[in-house]
Amino acid sequence: MRCGETLLLEGLVPSIGTVGDALDNALAETTIGLYKTECIRDGSPFRRGPLDRLADLEEATSAWVHWYNTGRLMHRLGRVPPTEAEADHYATTDPANPAGHTN
């Protein structure tokens, strides 16, 4: 429910299903598209040759997921990797008020 509310607040709309019940699919479809384009395609830097075995696909997928979660440059984070943005966040966050709420 919270995921759907957050997506609505960001102006995203459902990609399939009836209005209001498939907001998470838009995010999933975008991520799958990125995965196909960046990881699976011929010439991808995450591949070490043909994907002949399940292990080949698993290895490429693992490398891509690691990069996606730690190394990609994210526009919304100021063109820095997620791990760098997270480290900066915690370096400047008051441990007594981690959410940054004011009363």
PDB file of N, CA and C in Angstrom:
ATOM      1  N   MET A   1       0.821  -1.186   0.000  1.00  0.00           N
ATOM      2  CA  MET A   1       0.000   0.000   0.000  1.00  0.00           C
ATOM      3  C   MET A   1       0.870   1.256   0.000  1.00  0.00           C
ATOM      4  N   ARG A   2       1.904   1.263   0.856  1.00  0.00           N
ATOM      5  CA  ARG A   2       2.762   2.454   0.924  1.00  0.00           C
ATOM      6  C   ARG A   2       3.523   2.671  -0.379  1.00  0.00           C
ATOM      7  N   CYS A   3       3.936   1.567  -0.992  1.00  0.00           N
ATOM      8  CA  CYS A   3       4.627   1.690  -2.277  1.00  0.00           C
ATOM      9  C   CYS A   3       3.704   2.355  -3.295  1.00  0.00           C
ATOM     10  N   GLY A   4       2.474   1.900  -3.370  1.00  0.00           N
ATOM     11  CA  GLY A   4       1.512   2.483  -4.291  1.00  0.00           C
ATOM     12  C   GLY A   4       1.253   3.948  -4.015  1.00  0.00           C
ATOM     13  N   GLU A   5       1.131   4.303  -2.742  1.00  0.00           N
ATOM     14  CA  GLU A   5       0.911   5.701  -2.369  1.00  0.00           C
ATOM     15  C   GLU A   5       2.101   6.565  -2.766  1.00  0.00           C
ATOM     16  N   THR A   6       3.302   6.064  -2.521  1.00  0.00           N
ATOM     17  CA  THR A   6       4.518   6.812  -2.878  1.00  0.00           C
ATOM     18  C   THR A   6       4.591   7.023  -4.382  1.00  0.00           C
ATOM     19  N   LEU A   7       4.297   5.989  -5.145  1.00  0.00           N
ATOM     20  CA  LEU A   7       4.323   6.125  -6.595  1.00  0.00           C
ATOM     21  C   LEU A   7       3.291   7.137  -7.075  1.00  0.00           C
ATOM     22  N   LEU A   8       2.095   7.114  -6.485  1.00  0.00           N
ATOM     23  CA  LEU A   8       1.074   8.101  -6.849  1.00  0.00           C
ATOM     24  C   LEU A   8       1.532   9.522  -6.533  1.00  0.00           C
ATOM     25  N   LEU A   9       2.148   9.699  -5.369  1.00  0.00           N
ATOM     26  CA  LEU A   9       2.629  11.025  -4.981  1.00  0.00           C
ATOM     27  C   LEU A   9       3.713  11.530  -5.921  1.00  0.00           C
ATOM     28  N   GLU A  10       4.453  10.613  -6.536  1.00  0.00           N
ATOM     29  CA  GLU A  10       5.500  10.993  -7.486  1.00  0.00           C
ATOM     30  C   GLU A  10       4.958  11.186  -8.905  1.00  0.00           C
ATOM     31  N   GLY A  11       3.647  10.990  -9.055  1.00  0.00           N
ATOM     32  CA  GLY A  11       3.025  11.227 -10.352  1.00  0.00           C
ATOM     33  C   GLY A  11       3.055  10.036 -11.291  1.00  0.00           C
ATOM     34  N   LEU A  12       3.386   8.855 -10.794  1.00  0.00           N
ATOM     35  CA  LEU A  12       3.403   7.665 -11.635  1.00  0.00           C
ATOM     36  C   LEU A  12       1.998   7.093 -11.753  1.00  0.00           C
ATOM     37  N   VAL A  13       1.738   6.445 -12.865  1.00  0.00           N
ATOM     38  CA  VAL A  13       0.430   5.849 -13.103  1.00  0.00           C
ATOM     39  C   VAL A  13       0.586   4.354 -13.352  1.00  0.00           C
ATOM     40  N   PRO A  14      -0.472   3.591 -13.121  1.00  0.00           N
ATOM     41  CA  PRO A  14      -0.392   2.145 -13.349  1.00  0.00           C
ATOM     42  C   PRO A  14      -0.098   1.828 -14.810  1.00  0.00           C
ATOM     43  N   SER A  15       0.652   0.747 -15.027  1.00  0.00           N
ATOM     44  CA  SER A  15       0.963   0.358 -16.389  1.00  0.00           C
ATOM     45  C   SER A  15       0.019  -0.723 -16.893  1.00  0.00           C
ATOM     46  N   ILE A  16      -0.553  -1.523 -15.985  1.00  0.00           N
ATOM     47  CA  ILE A  16      -1.512  -2.553 -16.373  1.00  0.00           C
ATOM     48  C   ILE A  16      -2.573  -2.657 -15.294  1.00  0.00           C
ATOM     49  N   GLY A  17      -3.599  -3.395 -15.543  1.00  0.00           N
ATOM     50  CA  GLY A  17      -4.638  -3.603 -14.535  1.00  0.00           C
ATOM     51  C   GLY A  17      -5.579  -2.421 -14.456  1.00  0.00           C
ATOM     52  N   THR A  18      -6.453  -2.487 -13.484  1.00  0.00           N
ATOM     53  CA  THR A  18      -7.379  -1.391 -13.281  1.00  0.00           C
ATOM     54  C   THR A  18      -6.676  -0.287 -12.506  1.00  0.00           C
ATOM     55  N   VAL A  19      -7.181   0.894 -12.584  1.00  0.00           N
ATOM     56  CA  VAL A  19      -6.548   2.040 -11.933  1.00  0.00           C
ATOM     57  C   VAL A  19      -6.429   1.793 -10.435  1.00  0.00           C
ATOM     58  N   GLY A  20      -5.222   1.968  -9.940  1.00  0.00           N
ATOM     59  CA  GLY A  20      -4.992   1.877  -8.512  1.00  0.00           C
ATOM     60  C   GLY A  20      -4.508   0.540  -7.997  1.00  0.00           C
ATOM     61  N   ASP A  21      -4.437  -0.487  -8.849  1.00  0.00           N
ATOM     62  CA  ASP A  21      -4.020  -1.778  -8.305  1.00  0.00           C
ATOM     63  C   ASP A  21      -2.754  -2.342  -8.936  1.00  0.00           C
ATOM     64  N   ALA A  22      -2.118  -1.627  -9.833  1.00  0.00           N
ATOM     65  CA  ALA A  22      -0.942  -2.190 -10.497  1.00  0.00           C
ATOM     66  C   ALA A  22       0.210  -1.193 -10.597  1.00  0.00           C
ATOM     67  N   LEU A  23       0.320  -0.298  -9.632  1.00  0.00           N
ATOM     68  CA  LEU A  23       1.392   0.688  -9.685  1.00  0.00           C
ATOM     69  C   LEU A  23       2.771   0.070  -9.603  1.00  0.00           C
ATOM     70  N   ASP A  24       2.917  -1.027  -8.856  1.00  0.00           N
ATOM     71  CA  ASP A  24       4.226  -1.644  -8.726  1.00  0.00           C
ATOM     72  C   ASP A  24       4.702  -2.254 -10.035  1.00  0.00           C
ATOM     73  N   ASN A  25       3.801  -2.593 -10.936  1.00  0.00           N
ATOM     74  CA  ASN A  25       4.204  -3.182 -12.206  1.00  0.00           C
ATOM     75  C   ASN A  25       4.974  -2.199 -13.077  1.00  0.00           C
ATOM     76  N   ALA A  26       4.656  -0.919 -13.006  1.00  0.00           N
ATOM     77  CA  ALA A  26       5.379   0.070 -13.798  1.00  0.00           C
ATOM     78  C   ALA A  26       6.846   0.081 -13.394  1.00  0.00           C
ATOM     79  N   LEU A  27       7.110   0.055 -12.116  1.00  0.00           N
ATOM     80  CA  LEU A  27       8.490   0.020 -11.639  1.00  0.00           C
ATOM     81  C   LEU A  27       9.163  -1.280 -12.048  1.00  0.00           C
ATOM     82  N   ALA A  28       8.465  -2.402 -11.900  1.00  0.00           N
ATOM     83  CA  ALA A  28       9.028  -3.695 -12.280  1.00  0.00           C
ATOM     84  C   ALA A  28       9.330  -3.746 -13.770  1.00  0.00           C
ATOM     85  N   GLU A  29       8.424  -3.242 -14.589  1.00  0.00           N
ATOM     86  CA  GLU A  29       8.640  -3.258 -16.038  1.00  0.00           C
ATOM     87  C   GLU A  29       9.835  -2.388 -16.422  1.00  0.00           C
ATOM     88  N   THR A  30      10.007  -1.256 -15.767  1.00  0.00           N
ATOM     89  CA  THR A  30      11.154  -0.400 -16.039  1.00  0.00           C
ATOM     90  C   THR A  30      12.453  -1.102 -15.671  1.00  0.00           C
ATOM     91  N   THR A  31      12.466  -1.743 -14.513  1.00  0.00           N
ATOM     92  CA  THR A  31      13.669  -2.437 -14.066  1.00  0.00           C
ATOM     93  C   THR A  31      13.994  -3.608 -14.987  1.00  0.00           C
ATOM     94  N   ILE A  32      12.991  -4.360 -15.408  1.00  0.00           N
ATOM     95  CA  ILE A  32      13.208  -5.474 -16.335  1.00  0.00           C
ATOM     96  C   ILE A  32      13.756  -4.951 -17.658  1.00  0.00           C
ATOM     97  N   GLY A  33      13.236  -3.831 -18.124  1.00  0.00           N
ATOM     98  CA  GLY A  33      13.742  -3.233 -19.361  1.00  0.00           C
ATOM     99  C   GLY A  33      15.206  -2.845 -19.238  1.00  0.00           C
ATOM    100  N   LEU A  34      15.569  -2.245 -18.116  1.00  0.00           N
ATOM    101  CA  LEU A  34      16.971  -1.897 -17.882  1.00  0.00           C
ATOM    102  C   LEU A  34      17.834  -3.145 -17.843  1.00  0.00           C
ATOM    103  N   TYR A  35      17.349  -4.173 -17.166  1.00  0.00           N
ATOM    104  CA  TYR A  35      18.083  -5.435 -17.067  1.00  0.00           C
ATOM    105  C   TYR A  35      18.344  -6.019 -18.449  1.00  0.00           C
ATOM    106  N   LYS A  36      17.315  -6.055 -19.294  1.00  0.00           N
ATOM    107  CA  LYS A  36      17.480  -6.604 -20.637  1.00  0.00           C
ATOM    108  C   LYS A  36      18.462  -5.774 -21.455  1.00  0.00           C
ATOM    109  N   THR A  37      18.357  -4.462 -21.351  1.00  0.00           N
ATOM    110  CA  THR A  37      19.206  -3.573 -22.134  1.00  0.00           C
ATOM    111  C   THR A  37      20.651  -3.566 -21.640  1.00  0.00           C
ATOM    112  N   GLU A  38      20.829  -3.529 -20.339  1.00  0.00           N
ATOM    113  CA  GLU A  38      22.169  -3.359 -19.776  1.00  0.00           C
ATOM    114  C   GLU A  38      22.886  -4.663 -19.478  1.00  0.00           C
ATOM    115  N   CYS A  39      22.157  -5.730 -19.209  1.00  0.00           N
ATOM    116  CA  CYS A  39      22.786  -6.963 -18.750  1.00  0.00           C
ATOM    117  C   CYS A  39      22.752  -8.086 -19.771  1.00  0.00           C
ATOM    118  N   ILE A  40      21.619  -8.315 -20.384  1.00  0.00           N
ATOM    119  CA  ILE A  40      21.419  -9.499 -21.209  1.00  0.00           C
ATOM    120  C   ILE A  40      21.835  -9.310 -22.665  1.00  0.00           C
ATOM    121  N   ARG A  41      21.759  -8.115 -23.175  1.00  0.00           N
ATOM    122  CA  ARG A  41      22.029  -7.882 -24.600  1.00  0.00           C
ATOM    123  C   ARG A  41      23.450  -8.311 -24.970  1.00  0.00           C
ATOM    124  N   ASP A  42      23.637  -8.650 -26.237  1.00  0.00           N
ATOM    125  CA  ASP A  42      24.982  -8.946 -26.739  1.00  0.00           C
ATOM    126  C   ASP A  42      25.863  -7.724 -26.538  1.00  0.00           C
ATOM    127  N   GLY A  43      27.076  -7.930 -26.147  1.00  0.00           N
ATOM    128  CA  GLY A  43      28.016  -6.830 -25.938  1.00  0.00           C
ATOM    129  C   GLY A  43      27.931  -6.194 -24.568  1.00  0.00           C
ATOM    130  N   SER A  44      27.067  -6.694 -23.711  1.00  0.00           N
ATOM    131  CA  SER A  44      26.945  -6.142 -22.368  1.00  0.00           C
ATOM    132  C   SER A  44      28.245  -6.343 -21.600  1.00  0.00           C
ATOM    133  N   PRO A  45      28.688  -5.329 -20.851  1.00  0.00           N
ATOM    134  CA  PRO A  45      29.909  -5.494 -20.050  1.00  0.00           C
ATOM    135  C   PRO A  45      29.750  -6.476 -18.895  1.00  0.00           C
ATOM    136  N   PHE A  46      28.524  -6.901 -18.627  1.00  0.00           N
ATOM    137  CA  PHE A  46      28.287  -7.846 -17.533  1.00  0.00           C
ATOM    138  C   PHE A  46      28.370  -9.292 -18.000  1.00  0.00           C
ATOM    139  N   ARG A  47      28.465  -9.483 -19.298  1.00  0.00           N
ATOM    140  CA  ARG A  47      28.577 -10.835 -19.859  1.00  0.00           C
ATOM    141  C   ARG A  47      30.027 -11.155 -20.161  1.00  0.00           C
ATOM    142  N   ARG A  48      30.380 -12.414 -19.984  1.00  0.00           N
ATOM    143  CA  ARG A  48      31.732 -12.880 -20.308  1.00  0.00           C
ATOM    144  C   ARG A  48      31.684 -13.880 -21.458  1.00  0.00           C
ATOM    145  N   GLY A  49      30.761 -13.676 -22.360  1.00  0.00           N
ATOM    146  CA  GLY A  49      30.580 -14.578 -23.485  1.00  0.00           C
ATOM    147  C   GLY A  49      29.121 -14.948 -23.634  1.00  0.00           C
ATOM    148  N   PRO A  50      28.855 -16.002 -24.412  1.00  0.00           N
ATOM    149  CA  PRO A  50      27.471 -16.411 -24.614  1.00  0.00           C
ATOM    150  C   PRO A  50      26.831 -16.912 -23.327  1.00  0.00           C
ATOM    151  N   LEU A  51      25.517 -16.790 -23.260  1.00  0.00           N
ATOM    152  CA  LEU A  51      24.774 -17.285 -22.104  1.00  0.00           C
ATOM    153  C   LEU A  51      24.293 -18.697 -22.421  1.00  0.00           C
ATOM    154  N   ASP A  52      25.214 -19.635 -22.389  1.00  0.00           N
ATOM    155  CA  ASP A  52      24.908 -21.021 -22.753  1.00  0.00           C
ATOM    156  C   ASP A  52      24.328 -21.823 -21.598  1.00  0.00           C
ATOM    157  N   ARG A  53      24.675 -21.453 -20.387  1.00  0.00           N
ATOM    158  CA  ARG A  53      24.235 -22.214 -19.212  1.00  0.00           C
ATOM    159  C   ARG A  53      23.515 -21.285 -18.252  1.00  0.00           C
ATOM    160  N   LEU A  54      22.717 -21.858 -17.387  1.00  0.00           N
ATOM    161  CA  LEU A  54      22.047 -21.075 -16.352  1.00  0.00           C
ATOM    162  C   LEU A  54      23.084 -20.336 -15.512  1.00  0.00           C
ATOM    163  N   ALA A  55      24.208 -20.969 -15.238  1.00  0.00           N
ATOM    164  CA  ALA A  55      25.267 -20.334 -14.442  1.00  0.00           C
ATOM    165  C   ALA A  55      25.797 -19.071 -15.116  1.00  0.00           C
ATOM    166  N   ASP A  56      25.851 -19.054 -16.449  1.00  0.00           N
ATOM    167  CA  ASP A  56      26.294 -17.855 -17.174  1.00  0.00           C
ATOM    168  C   ASP A  56      25.325 -16.695 -16.938  1.00  0.00           C
ATOM    169  N   LEU A  57      24.038 -17.001 -17.005  1.00  0.00           N
ATOM    170  CA  LEU A  57      23.015 -15.984 -16.775  1.00  0.00           C
ATOM    171  C   LEU A  57      23.045 -15.505 -15.323  1.00  0.00           C
ATOM    172  N   GLU A  58      23.201 -16.435 -14.396  1.00  0.00           N
ATOM    173  CA  GLU A  58      23.258 -16.069 -12.979  1.00  0.00           C
ATOM    174  C   GLU A  58      24.461 -15.187 -12.688  1.00  0.00           C
ATOM    175  N   GLU A  59      25.600 -15.485 -13.296  1.00  0.00           N
ATOM    176  CA  GLU A  59      26.804 -14.678 -13.071  1.00  0.00           C
ATOM    177  C   GLU A  59      26.629 -13.259 -13.612  1.00  0.00           C
ATOM    178  N   ALA A  60      26.097 -13.148 -14.821  1.00  0.00           N
ATOM    179  CA  ALA A  60      25.855 -11.824 -15.405  1.00  0.00           C
ATOM    180  C   ALA A  60      24.833 -11.051 -14.572  1.00  0.00           C
ATOM    181  N   THR A  61      23.778 -11.727 -14.151  1.00  0.00           N
ATOM    182  CA  THR A  61      22.738 -11.085 -13.355  1.00  0.00           C
ATOM    183  C   THR A  61      23.294 -10.599 -12.023  1.00  0.00           C
ATOM    184  N   SER A  62      24.088 -11.419 -11.370  1.00  0.00           N
ATOM    185  CA  SER A  62      24.678 -11.033 -10.090  1.00  0.00           C
ATOM    186  C   SER A  62      25.562  -9.797 -10.242  1.00  0.00           C
ATOM    187  N   ALA A  63      26.369  -9.769 -11.282  1.00  0.00           N
ATOM    188  CA  ALA A  63      27.248  -8.615 -11.520  1.00  0.00           C
ATOM    189  C   ALA A  63      26.421  -7.362 -11.792  1.00  0.00           C
ATOM    190  N   TRP A  64      25.346  -7.501 -12.589  1.00  0.00           N
ATOM    191  CA  TRP A  64      24.513  -6.341 -12.905  1.00  0.00           C
ATOM    192  C   TRP A  64      23.781  -5.825 -11.670  1.00  0.00           C
ATOM    193  N   VAL A  65      23.215  -6.727 -10.874  1.00  0.00           N
ATOM    194  CA  VAL A  65      22.485  -6.314  -9.665  1.00  0.00           C
ATOM    195  C   VAL A  65      23.428  -5.602  -8.706  1.00  0.00           C
ATOM    196  N   HIS A  66      24.644  -6.121  -8.550  1.00  0.00           N
ATOM    197  CA  HIS A  66      25.613  -5.460  -7.667  1.00  0.00           C
ATOM    198  C   HIS A  66      25.907  -4.050  -8.173  1.00  0.00           C
ATOM    199  N   TRP A  67      26.181  -3.907  -9.468  1.00  0.00           N
ATOM    200  CA  TRP A  67      26.455  -2.590 -10.035  1.00  0.00           C
ATOM    201  C   TRP A  67      25.242  -1.680  -9.894  1.00  0.00           C
ATOM    202  N   TYR A  68      24.052  -2.200 -10.199  1.00  0.00           N
ATOM    203  CA  TYR A  68      22.819  -1.400 -10.144  1.00  0.00           C
ATOM    204  C   TYR A  68      22.588  -0.852  -8.739  1.00  0.00           C
ATOM    205  N   ASN A  69      22.861  -1.657  -7.720  1.00  0.00           N
ATOM    206  CA  ASN A  69      22.617  -1.247  -6.340  1.00  0.00           C
ATOM    207  C   ASN A  69      23.745  -0.437  -5.722  1.00  0.00           C
ATOM    208  N   THR A  70      24.932  -0.482  -6.300  1.00  0.00           N
ATOM    209  CA  THR A  70      26.065   0.177  -5.651  1.00  0.00           C
ATOM    210  C   THR A  70      26.828   1.158  -6.530  1.00  0.00           C
ATOM    211  N   GLY A  71      26.911   0.928  -7.829  1.00  0.00           N
ATOM    212  CA  GLY A  71      27.826   1.714  -8.647  1.00  0.00           C
ATOM    213  C   GLY A  71      27.238   2.618  -9.700  1.00  0.00           C
ATOM    214  N   ARG A  72      25.978   2.430 -10.076  1.00  0.00           N
ATOM    215  CA  ARG A  72      25.428   3.251 -11.162  1.00  0.00           C
ATOM    216  C   ARG A  72      25.278   4.698 -10.710  1.00  0.00           C
ATOM    217  N   LEU A  73      25.434   5.600 -11.638  1.00  0.00           N
ATOM    218  CA  LEU A  73      25.253   7.019 -11.334  1.00  0.00           C
ATOM    219  C   LEU A  73      23.774   7.349 -11.433  1.00  0.00           C
ATOM    220  N   MET A  74      23.243   7.872 -10.358  1.00  0.00           N
ATOM    221  CA  MET A  74      21.812   8.174 -10.313  1.00  0.00           C
ATOM    222  C   MET A  74      21.581   9.678 -10.405  1.00  0.00           C
ATOM    223  N   HIS A  75      20.816  10.070 -11.405  1.00  0.00           N
ATOM    224  CA  HIS A  75      20.523  11.492 -11.625  1.00  0.00           C
ATOM    225  C   HIS A  75      19.892  12.132 -10.396  1.00  0.00           C
ATOM    226  N   ARG A  76      18.903  11.458  -9.810  1.00  0.00           N
ATOM    227  CA  ARG A  76      18.190  12.026  -8.652  1.00  0.00           C
ATOM    228  C   ARG A  76      19.071  12.134  -7.414  1.00  0.00           C
ATOM    229  N   LEU A  77      20.198  11.456  -7.412  1.00  0.00           N
ATOM    230  CA  LEU A  77      21.115  11.530  -6.265  1.00  0.00           C
ATOM    231  C   LEU A  77      22.292  12.453  -6.563  1.00  0.00           C
ATOM    232  N   GLY A  78      22.187  13.243  -7.620  1.00  0.00           N
ATOM    233  CA  GLY A  78      23.266  14.161  -7.963  1.00  0.00           C
ATOM    234  C   GLY A  78      24.364  13.504  -8.777  1.00  0.00           C
ATOM    235  N   ARG A  79      23.994  12.484  -9.546  1.00  0.00           N
ATOM    236  CA  ARG A  79      24.933  11.751 -10.412  1.00  0.00           C
ATOM    237  C   ARG A  79      26.041  11.075  -9.615  1.00  0.00           C
ATOM    238  N   VAL A  80      25.662  10.535  -8.461  1.00  0.00           N
ATOM    239  CA  VAL A  80      26.596   9.753  -7.649  1.00  0.00           C
ATOM    240  C   VAL A  80      26.006   8.356  -7.455  1.00  0.00           C
ATOM    241  N   PRO A  81      26.859   7.375  -7.187  1.00  0.00           N
ATOM    242  CA  PRO A  81      26.350   6.019  -6.953  1.00  0.00           C
ATOM    243  C   PRO A  81      25.529   5.943  -5.671  1.00  0.00           C
ATOM    244  N   PRO A  82      24.586   4.993  -5.600  1.00  0.00           N
ATOM    245  CA  PRO A  82      23.747   4.856  -4.410  1.00  0.00           C
ATOM    246  C   PRO A  82      24.547   4.683  -3.121  1.00  0.00           C
ATOM    247  N   THR A  83      25.623   3.921  -3.160  1.00  0.00           N
ATOM    248  CA  THR A  83      26.393   3.706  -1.931  1.00  0.00           C
ATOM    249  C   THR A  83      27.036   4.999  -1.442  1.00  0.00           C
ATOM    250  N   GLU A  84      27.479   5.833  -2.371  1.00  0.00           N
ATOM    251  CA  GLU A  84      28.066   7.125  -1.989  1.00  0.00           C
ATOM    252  C   GLU A  84      26.996   8.052  -1.412  1.00  0.00           C
ATOM    253  N   ALA A  85      25.828   8.088  -2.039  1.00  0.00           N
ATOM    254  CA  ALA A  85      24.734   8.921  -1.536  1.00  0.00           C
ATOM    255  C   ALA A  85      24.306   8.452  -0.154  1.00  0.00           C
ATOM    256  N   GLU A  86      24.242   7.138   0.060  1.00  0.00           N
ATOM    257  CA  GLU A  86      23.851   6.614   1.366  1.00  0.00           C
ATOM    258  C   GLU A  86      24.889   6.973   2.423  1.00  0.00           C
ATOM    259  N   ALA A  87      26.171   6.843   2.086  1.00  0.00           N
ATOM    260  CA  ALA A  87      27.228   7.199   3.040  1.00  0.00           C
ATOM    261  C   ALA A  87      27.154   8.681   3.390  1.00  0.00           C
ATOM    262  N   ASP A  88      26.932   9.544   2.388  1.00  0.00           N
ATOM    263  CA  ASP A  88      26.797  10.979   2.641  1.00  0.00           C
ATOM    264  C   ASP A  88      25.589  11.264   3.534  1.00  0.00           C
ATOM    265  N   HIS A  89      24.497  10.569   3.276  1.00  0.00           N
ATOM    266  CA  HIS A  89      23.288  10.758   4.080  1.00  0.00           C
ATOM    267  C   HIS A  89      23.563  10.454   5.549  1.00  0.00           C
ATOM    268  N   TYR A  90      24.147   9.292   5.814  1.00  0.00           N
ATOM    269  CA  TYR A  90      24.381   8.909   7.203  1.00  0.00           C
ATOM    270  C   TYR A  90      25.477   9.742   7.863  1.00  0.00           C
ATOM    271  N   ALA A  91      26.397  10.272   7.072  1.00  0.00           N
ATOM    272  CA  ALA A  91      27.440  11.130   7.630  1.00  0.00           C
ATOM    273  C   ALA A  91      26.875  12.467   8.093  1.00  0.00           C
ATOM    274  N   THR A  92      25.742  12.865   7.514  1.00  0.00           N
ATOM    275  CA  THR A  92      25.151  14.166   7.856  1.00  0.00           C
ATOM    276  C   THR A  92      23.827  14.034   8.596  1.00  0.00           C
ATOM    277  N   THR A  93      23.488  12.836   9.035  1.00  0.00           N
ATOM    278  CA  THR A  93      22.217  12.593   9.718  1.00  0.00           C
ATOM    279  C   THR A  93      22.436  12.501  11.214  1.00  0.00           C
ATOM    280  N   ASP A  94      21.586  13.158  11.952  1.00  0.00           N
ATOM    281  CA  ASP A  94      21.618  13.086  13.406  1.00  0.00           C
ATOM    282  C   ASP A  94      21.078  11.726  13.829  1.00  0.00           C
ATOM    283  N   PRO A  95      21.887  10.893  14.482  1.00  0.00           N
ATOM    284  CA  PRO A  95      21.425   9.560  14.879  1.00  0.00           C
ATOM    285  C   PRO A  95      20.182   9.600  15.771  1.00  0.00           C
ATOM    286  N   ALA A  96      19.976  10.681  16.493  1.00  0.00           N
ATOM    287  CA  ALA A  96      18.800  10.799  17.356  1.00  0.00           C
ATOM    288  C   ALA A  96      17.551  11.127  16.542  1.00  0.00           C
ATOM    289  N   ASN A  97      17.726  11.567  15.296  1.00  0.00           N
ATOM    290  CA  ASN A  97      16.599  11.938  14.452  1.00  0.00           C
ATOM    291  C   ASN A  97      16.883  11.461  13.015  1.00  0.00           C
ATOM    292  N   PRO A  98      16.967  10.141  12.795  1.00  0.00           N
ATOM    293  CA  PRO A  98      17.387   9.621  11.487  1.00  0.00           C
ATOM    294  C   PRO A  98      16.455   9.965  10.338  1.00  0.00           C
ATOM    295  N   ALA A  99      15.202  10.205  10.596  1.00  0.00           N
ATOM    296  CA  ALA A  99      14.261  10.547   9.518  1.00  0.00           C
ATOM    297  C   ALA A  99      14.274  12.029   9.202  1.00  0.00           C
ATOM    298  N   GLY A 100      14.951  12.835  10.005  1.00  0.00           N
ATOM    299  CA  GLY A 100      15.027  14.268   9.772  1.00  0.00           C
ATOM    300  C   GLY A 100      13.767  15.019  10.105  1.00  0.00           C
ATOM    301  N   HIS A 101      12.907  14.421  10.911  1.00  0.00           N
ATOM    302  CA  HIS A 101      11.634  15.076  11.282  1.00  0.00           C
ATOM    303  C   HIS A 101      11.867  16.171  12.315  1.00  0.00           C
ATOM    304  N   THR A 102      11.084  17.208  12.187  1.00  0.00           N
ATOM    305  CA  THR A 102      11.087  18.269  13.193  1.00  0.00           C
ATOM    306  C   THR A 102       9.757  18.246  13.916  1.00  0.00           C
ATOM    307  N   ASN A 103       9.768  18.571  15.171  1.00  0.00           N
ATOM    308  CA  ASN A 103       8.516  18.584  15.947  1.00  0.00           C
ATOM    309  C   ASN A 103       8.024  19.973  16.162  1.00  0.00           C
TER     310      ASN A 103
END
